[in-house]
Amino acid sequence: MAKDYIVLFRGSSIEAGRVLFDLEEIGIKGILRDQQTSAARSGFAIPASADEVQVLVHRDEHDKAKTIL
């Protein structure tokens, strides 16, 4: 499954929220990956860039998704 998804965007969680919203407007379901929050919920602390998250899209929709950036 993981290899079927490509990183479309890296940035702040606020910007990523806007990207996800814009993707939904064109019929694409994006995935938000926030490693720092995931690690904290698991009991681990990892150094990460301040507030950096990733938006992933399915490989088949990547070209269409790039149009919103």
PDB file of N, CA and C in Angstrom:
ATOM      1  N   MET A   1       0.811  -1.195   0.000  1.00  0.00           N
ATOM      2  CA  MET A   1       0.000   0.000   0.000  1.00  0.00           C
ATOM      3  C   MET A   1       0.858   1.265   0.000  1.00  0.00           C
ATOM      4  N   ALA A   2       1.883   1.304   0.844  1.00  0.00           N
ATOM      5  CA  ALA A   2       2.693   2.512   0.975  1.00  0.00           C
ATOM      6  C   ALA A   2       3.345   2.906  -0.342  1.00  0.00           C
ATOM      7  N   LYS A   3       3.740   1.931  -1.148  1.00  0.00           N
ATOM      8  CA  LYS A   3       4.396   2.269  -2.406  1.00  0.00           C
ATOM      9  C   LYS A   3       3.413   2.791  -3.448  1.00  0.00           C
ATOM     10  N   ASP A   4       2.126   2.677  -3.171  1.00  0.00           N
ATOM     11  CA  ASP A   4       1.109   3.188  -4.081  1.00  0.00           C
ATOM     12  C   ASP A   4       0.841   4.679  -3.884  1.00  0.00           C
ATOM     13  N   TYR A   5       1.440   5.273  -2.855  1.00  0.00           N
ATOM     14  CA  TYR A   5       1.200   6.679  -2.550  1.00  0.00           C
ATOM     15  C   TYR A   5       2.480   7.489  -2.695  1.00  0.00           C
ATOM     16  N   ILE A   6       2.325   8.722  -3.172  1.00  0.00           N
ATOM     17  CA  ILE A   6       3.448   9.615  -3.439  1.00  0.00           C
ATOM     18  C   ILE A   6       3.240  10.901  -2.656  1.00  0.00           C
ATOM     19  N   VAL A   7       4.335  11.446  -2.140  1.00  0.00           N
ATOM     20  CA  VAL A   7       4.258  12.730  -1.433  1.00  0.00           C
ATOM     21  C   VAL A   7       3.989  13.826  -2.456  1.00  0.00           C
ATOM     22  N   LEU A   8       2.905  14.547  -2.235  1.00  0.00           N
ATOM     23  CA  LEU A   8       2.541  15.666  -3.098  1.00  0.00           C
ATOM     24  C   LEU A   8       3.028  16.979  -2.512  1.00  0.00           C
ATOM     25  N   PHE A   9       3.005  17.082  -1.174  1.00  0.00           N
ATOM     26  CA  PHE A   9       3.287  18.351  -0.514  1.00  0.00           C
ATOM     27  C   PHE A   9       3.950  18.094   0.830  1.00  0.00           C
ATOM     28  N   ARG A  10       4.909  18.949   1.189  1.00  0.00           N
ATOM     29  CA  ARG A  10       5.507  18.992   2.526  1.00  0.00           C
ATOM     30  C   ARG A  10       5.428  20.419   3.011  1.00  0.00           C
ATOM     31  N   GLY A  11       4.991  20.590   4.237  1.00  0.00           N
ATOM     32  CA  GLY A  11       4.906  21.935   4.783  1.00  0.00           C
ATOM     33  C   GLY A  11       4.196  21.941   6.116  1.00  0.00           C
ATOM     34  N   SER A  12       3.682  23.099   6.498  1.00  0.00           N
ATOM     35  CA  SER A  12       3.009  23.231   7.792  1.00  0.00           C
ATOM     36  C   SER A  12       1.646  22.539   7.760  1.00  0.00           C
ATOM     37  N   SER A  13       1.137  22.237   8.936  1.00  0.00           N
ATOM     38  CA  SER A  13      -0.161  21.568   9.014  1.00  0.00           C
ATOM     39  C   SER A  13      -1.277  22.466   8.491  1.00  0.00           C
ATOM     40  N   ILE A  14      -1.133  23.751   8.630  1.00  0.00           N
ATOM     41  CA  ILE A  14      -2.146  24.687   8.123  1.00  0.00           C
ATOM     42  C   ILE A  14      -2.166  24.660   6.596  1.00  0.00           C
ATOM     43  N   GLU A  15      -0.998  24.727   5.993  1.00  0.00           N
ATOM     44  CA  GLU A  15      -0.919  24.667   4.530  1.00  0.00           C
ATOM     45  C   GLU A  15      -1.402  23.315   4.011  1.00  0.00           C
ATOM     46  N   ALA A  16      -1.045  22.249   4.721  1.00  0.00           N
ATOM     47  CA  ALA A  16      -1.465  20.908   4.320  1.00  0.00           C
ATOM     48  C   ALA A  16      -2.982  20.773   4.372  1.00  0.00           C
ATOM     49  N   GLY A  17      -3.598  21.402   5.358  1.00  0.00           N
ATOM     50  CA  GLY A  17      -5.059  21.378   5.438  1.00  0.00           C
ATOM     51  C   GLY A  17      -5.691  22.008   4.216  1.00  0.00           C
ATOM     52  N   ARG A  18      -5.103  23.085   3.749  1.00  0.00           N
ATOM     53  CA  ARG A  18      -5.615  23.742   2.541  1.00  0.00           C
ATOM     54  C   ARG A  18      -5.428  22.851   1.318  1.00  0.00           C
ATOM     55  N   VAL A  19      -4.277  22.189   1.224  1.00  0.00           N
ATOM     56  CA  VAL A  19      -4.023  21.282   0.109  1.00  0.00           C
ATOM     57  C   VAL A  19      -5.039  20.142   0.112  1.00  0.00           C
ATOM     58  N   LEU A  20      -5.313  19.566   1.288  1.00  0.00           N
ATOM     59  CA  LEU A  20      -6.310  18.496   1.388  1.00  0.00           C
ATOM     60  C   LEU A  20      -7.684  18.980   0.949  1.00  0.00           C
ATOM     61  N   PHE A  21      -8.044  20.186   1.359  1.00  0.00           N
ATOM     62  CA  PHE A  21      -9.333  20.765   0.975  1.00  0.00           C
ATOM     63  C   PHE A  21      -9.415  20.922  -0.541  1.00  0.00           C
ATOM     64  N   ASP A  22      -8.366  21.465  -1.137  1.00  0.00           N
ATOM     65  CA  ASP A  22      -8.343  21.670  -2.589  1.00  0.00           C
ATOM     66  C   ASP A  22      -8.384  20.342  -3.346  1.00  0.00           C
ATOM     67  N   LEU A  23      -7.717  19.321  -2.800  1.00  0.00           N
ATOM     68  CA  LEU A  23      -7.760  17.999  -3.425  1.00  0.00           C
ATOM     69  C   LEU A  23      -9.186  17.450  -3.424  1.00  0.00           C
ATOM     70  N   GLU A  24      -9.879  17.586  -2.304  1.00  0.00           N
ATOM     71  CA  GLU A  24     -11.256  17.098  -2.228  1.00  0.00           C
ATOM     72  C   GLU A  24     -12.161  17.819  -3.218  1.00  0.00           C
ATOM     73  N   GLU A  25     -11.867  19.076  -3.475  1.00  0.00           N
ATOM     74  CA  GLU A  25     -12.661  19.851  -4.434  1.00  0.00           C
ATOM     75  C   GLU A  25     -12.567  19.280  -5.850  1.00  0.00           C
ATOM     76  N   ILE A  26     -11.449  18.631  -6.171  1.00  0.00           N
ATOM     77  CA  ILE A  26     -11.310  18.036  -7.506  1.00  0.00           C
ATOM     78  C   ILE A  26     -11.487  16.513  -7.476  1.00  0.00           C
ATOM     79  N   GLY A  27     -12.006  16.012  -6.352  1.00  0.00           N
ATOM     80  CA  GLY A  27     -12.359  14.603  -6.264  1.00  0.00           C
ATOM     81  C   GLY A  27     -11.240  13.647  -5.901  1.00  0.00           C
ATOM     82  N   ILE A  28     -10.200  14.159  -5.245  1.00  0.00           N
ATOM     83  CA  ILE A  28      -9.075  13.319  -4.846  1.00  0.00           C
ATOM     84  C   ILE A  28      -9.008  13.261  -3.327  1.00  0.00           C
ATOM     85  N   LYS A  29      -8.860  12.052  -2.802  1.00  0.00           N
ATOM     86  CA  LYS A  29      -8.722  11.861  -1.365  1.00  0.00           C
ATOM     87  C   LYS A  29      -7.242  11.813  -1.022  1.00  0.00           C
ATOM     88  N   GLY A  30      -6.765  12.815  -0.301  1.00  0.00           N
ATOM     89  CA  GLY A  30      -5.368  12.854   0.117  1.00  0.00           C
ATOM     90  C   GLY A  30      -5.201  12.260   1.503  1.00  0.00           C
ATOM     91  N   ILE A  31      -3.978  11.913   1.848  1.00  0.00           N
ATOM     92  CA  ILE A  31      -3.646  11.364   3.157  1.00  0.00           C
ATOM     93  C   ILE A  31      -2.667  12.311   3.831  1.00  0.00           C
ATOM     94  N   LEU A  32      -2.949  12.638   5.087  1.00  0.00           N
ATOM     95  CA  LEU A  32      -2.075  13.503   5.861  1.00  0.00           C
ATOM     96  C   LEU A  32      -1.158  12.634   6.712  1.00  0.00           C
ATOM     97  N   ARG A  33       0.149  12.820   6.578  1.00  0.00           N
ATOM     98  CA  ARG A  33       1.117  12.074   7.386  1.00  0.00           C
ATOM     99  C   ARG A  33       1.849  13.062   8.284  1.00  0.00           C
ATOM    100  N   ASP A  34       1.673  12.874   9.575  1.00  0.00           N
ATOM    101  CA  ASP A  34       2.306  13.725  10.583  1.00  0.00           C
ATOM    102  C   ASP A  34       3.103  12.821  11.506  1.00  0.00           C
ATOM    103  N   GLN A  35       4.379  12.644  11.229  1.00  0.00           N
ATOM    104  CA  GLN A  35       5.203  11.696  11.971  1.00  0.00           C
ATOM    105  C   GLN A  35       5.418  12.116  13.421  1.00  0.00           C
ATOM    106  N   GLN A  36       5.485  13.404  13.679  1.00  0.00           N
ATOM    107  CA  GLN A  36       5.723  13.858  15.040  1.00  0.00           C
ATOM    108  C   GLN A  36       4.533  13.523  15.937  1.00  0.00           C
ATOM    109  N   THR A  37       3.311  13.751  15.468  1.00  0.00           N
ATOM    110  CA  THR A  37       2.125  13.427  16.252  1.00  0.00           C
ATOM    111  C   THR A  37       1.992  11.922  16.417  1.00  0.00           C
ATOM    112  N   SER A  38       2.254  11.173  15.360  1.00  0.00           N
ATOM    113  CA  SER A  38       2.173   9.717  15.439  1.00  0.00           C
ATOM    114  C   SER A  38       3.163   9.175  16.464  1.00  0.00           C
ATOM    115  N   ALA A  39       4.364   9.702  16.480  1.00  0.00           N
ATOM    116  CA  ALA A  39       5.380   9.248  17.423  1.00  0.00           C
ATOM    117  C   ALA A  39       4.984   9.592  18.855  1.00  0.00           C
ATOM    118  N   ALA A  40       4.443  10.777  19.059  1.00  0.00           N
ATOM    119  CA  ALA A  40       4.031  11.184  20.401  1.00  0.00           C
ATOM    120  C   ALA A  40       2.911  10.292  20.925  1.00  0.00           C
ATOM    121  N   ARG A  41       1.984   9.923  20.062  1.00  0.00           N
ATOM    122  CA  ARG A  41       0.888   9.044  20.485  1.00  0.00           C
ATOM    123  C   ARG A  41       1.388   7.650  20.830  1.00  0.00           C
ATOM    124  N   SER A  42       2.500   7.259  20.240  1.00  0.00           N
ATOM    125  CA  SER A  42       3.069   5.933  20.494  1.00  0.00           C
ATOM    126  C   SER A  42       4.019   5.934  21.688  1.00  0.00           C
ATOM    127  N   GLY A  43       4.268   7.101  22.254  1.00  0.00           N
ATOM    128  CA  GLY A  43       5.167   7.189  23.402  1.00  0.00           C
ATOM    129  C   GLY A  43       6.603   7.470  23.052  1.00  0.00           C
ATOM    130  N   PHE A  44       6.854   7.844  21.814  1.00  0.00           N
ATOM    131  CA  PHE A  44       8.209   8.157  21.379  1.00  0.00           C
ATOM    132  C   PHE A  44       8.314   9.643  21.096  1.00  0.00           C
ATOM    133  N   ALA A  45       9.510  10.160  21.259  1.00  0.00           N
ATOM    134  CA  ALA A  45       9.756  11.554  20.901  1.00  0.00           C
ATOM    135  C   ALA A  45      10.814  11.563  19.808  1.00  0.00           C
ATOM    136  N   ILE A  46      10.469  12.128  18.658  1.00  0.00           N
ATOM    137  CA  ILE A  46      11.443  12.218  17.581  1.00  0.00           C
ATOM    138  C   ILE A  46      11.620  13.677  17.205  1.00  0.00           C
ATOM    139  N   PRO A  47      12.845  14.057  16.921  1.00  0.00           N
ATOM    140  CA  PRO A  47      13.034  15.436  16.452  1.00  0.00           C
ATOM    141  C   PRO A  47      12.482  15.562  15.038  1.00  0.00           C
ATOM    142  N   ALA A  48      11.750  16.593  14.814  1.00  0.00           N
ATOM    143  CA  ALA A  48      11.181  16.821  13.484  1.00  0.00           C
ATOM    144  C   ALA A  48      11.193  18.310  13.208  1.00  0.00           C
ATOM    145  N   SER A  49      11.149  18.633  11.951  1.00  0.00           N
ATOM    146  CA  SER A  49      11.051  20.040  11.578  1.00  0.00           C
ATOM    147  C   SER A  49       9.783  20.594  12.188  1.00  0.00           C
ATOM    148  N   ALA A  50       9.838  21.817  12.625  1.00  0.00           N
ATOM    149  CA  ALA A  50       8.693  22.432  13.284  1.00  0.00           C
ATOM    150  C   ALA A  50       7.449  22.346  12.414  1.00  0.00           C
ATOM    151  N   ASP A  51       6.485  21.575  12.892  1.00  0.00           N
ATOM    152  CA  ASP A  51       5.168  21.514  12.259  1.00  0.00           C
ATOM    153  C   ASP A  51       5.189  21.010  10.818  1.00  0.00           C
ATOM    154  N   GLU A  52       6.142  20.163  10.447  1.00  0.00           N
ATOM    155  CA  GLU A  52       6.165  19.657   9.073  1.00  0.00           C
ATOM    156  C   GLU A  52       5.311  18.404   8.936  1.00  0.00           C
ATOM    157  N   VAL A  53       4.428  18.430   7.963  1.00  0.00           N
ATOM    158  CA  VAL A  53       3.594  17.277   7.649  1.00  0.00           C
ATOM    159  C   VAL A  53       3.689  17.016   6.157  1.00  0.00           C
ATOM    160  N   GLN A  54       3.176  15.863   5.748  1.00  0.00           N
ATOM    161  CA  GLN A  54       3.182  15.500   4.332  1.00  0.00           C
ATOM    162  C   GLN A  54       1.760  15.189   3.895  1.00  0.00           C
ATOM    163  N   VAL A  55       1.457  15.546   2.654  1.00  0.00           N
ATOM    164  CA  VAL A  55       0.204  15.147   2.024  1.00  0.00           C
ATOM    165  C   VAL A  55       0.571  14.156   0.932  1.00  0.00           C
ATOM    166  N   LEU A  56      -0.044  12.976   0.996  1.00  0.00           N
ATOM    167  CA  LEU A  56       0.205  11.925   0.016  1.00  0.00           C
ATOM    168  C   LEU A  56      -1.037  11.704  -0.825  1.00  0.00           C
ATOM    169  N   VAL A  57      -0.817  11.331  -2.072  1.00  0.00           N
ATOM    170  CA  VAL A  57      -1.917  10.980  -2.973  1.00  0.00           C
ATOM    171  C   VAL A  57      -1.572   9.675  -3.667  1.00  0.00           C
ATOM    172  N   HIS A  58      -2.575   9.004  -4.137  1.00  0.00           N
ATOM    173  CA  HIS A  58      -2.361   7.750  -4.849  1.00  0.00           C
ATOM    174  C   HIS A  58      -1.592   8.031  -6.137  1.00  0.00           C
ATOM    175  N   ARG A  59      -0.711   7.115  -6.472  1.00  0.00           N
ATOM    176  CA  ARG A  59       0.146   7.245  -7.653  1.00  0.00           C
ATOM    177  C   ARG A  59      -0.664   7.550  -8.925  1.00  0.00           C
ATOM    178  N   ASP A  60      -1.836   6.925  -9.061  1.00  0.00           N
ATOM    179  CA  ASP A  60      -2.663   7.118 -10.254  1.00  0.00           C
ATOM    180  C   ASP A  60      -3.253   8.520 -10.350  1.00  0.00           C
ATOM    181  N   GLU A  61      -3.327   9.231  -9.217  1.00  0.00           N
ATOM    182  CA  GLU A  61      -3.941  10.569  -9.212  1.00  0.00           C
ATOM    183  C   GLU A  61      -2.917  11.689  -9.061  1.00  0.00           C
ATOM    184  N   HIS A  62      -1.646  11.341  -9.040  1.00  0.00           N
ATOM    185  CA  HIS A  62      -0.606  12.332  -8.767  1.00  0.00           C
ATOM    186  C   HIS A  62      -0.579  13.462  -9.799  1.00  0.00           C
ATOM    187  N   ASP A  63      -0.645  13.142 -11.082  1.00  0.00           N
ATOM    188  CA  ASP A  63      -0.587  14.185 -12.107  1.00  0.00           C
ATOM    189  C   ASP A  63      -1.764  15.154 -11.988  1.00  0.00           C
ATOM    190  N   LYS A  64      -2.954  14.630 -11.750  1.00  0.00           N
ATOM    191  CA  LYS A  64      -4.127  15.494 -11.580  1.00  0.00           C
ATOM    192  C   LYS A  64      -3.995  16.319 -10.299  1.00  0.00           C
ATOM    193  N   ALA A  65      -3.449  15.724  -9.251  1.00  0.00           N
ATOM    194  CA  ALA A  65      -3.298  16.420  -7.968  1.00  0.00           C
ATOM    195  C   ALA A  65      -2.318  17.579  -8.057  1.00  0.00           C
ATOM    196  N   LYS A  66      -1.272  17.450  -8.865  1.00  0.00           N
ATOM    197  CA  LYS A  66      -0.272  18.512  -9.001  1.00  0.00           C
ATOM    198  C   LYS A  66      -0.876  19.815  -9.511  1.00  0.00           C
ATOM    199  N   THR A  67      -2.024  19.743 -10.169  1.00  0.00           N
ATOM    200  CA  THR A  67      -2.623  20.954 -10.739  1.00  0.00           C
ATOM    201  C   THR A  67      -3.100  21.927  -9.677  1.00  0.00           C
ATOM    202  N   ILE A  68      -3.292  21.473  -8.430  1.00  0.00           N
ATOM    203  CA  ILE A  68      -3.793  22.379  -7.396  1.00  0.00           C
ATOM    204  C   ILE A  68      -2.660  23.117  -6.679  1.00  0.00           C
ATOM    205  N   LEU A  69      -1.428  22.705  -6.926  1.00  0.00           N
ATOM    206  CA  LEU A  69      -0.300  23.372  -6.250  1.00  0.00           C
ATOM    207  C   LEU A  69       0.093  24.657  -6.918  1.00  0.00           C
TER     208      LEU A  69
END
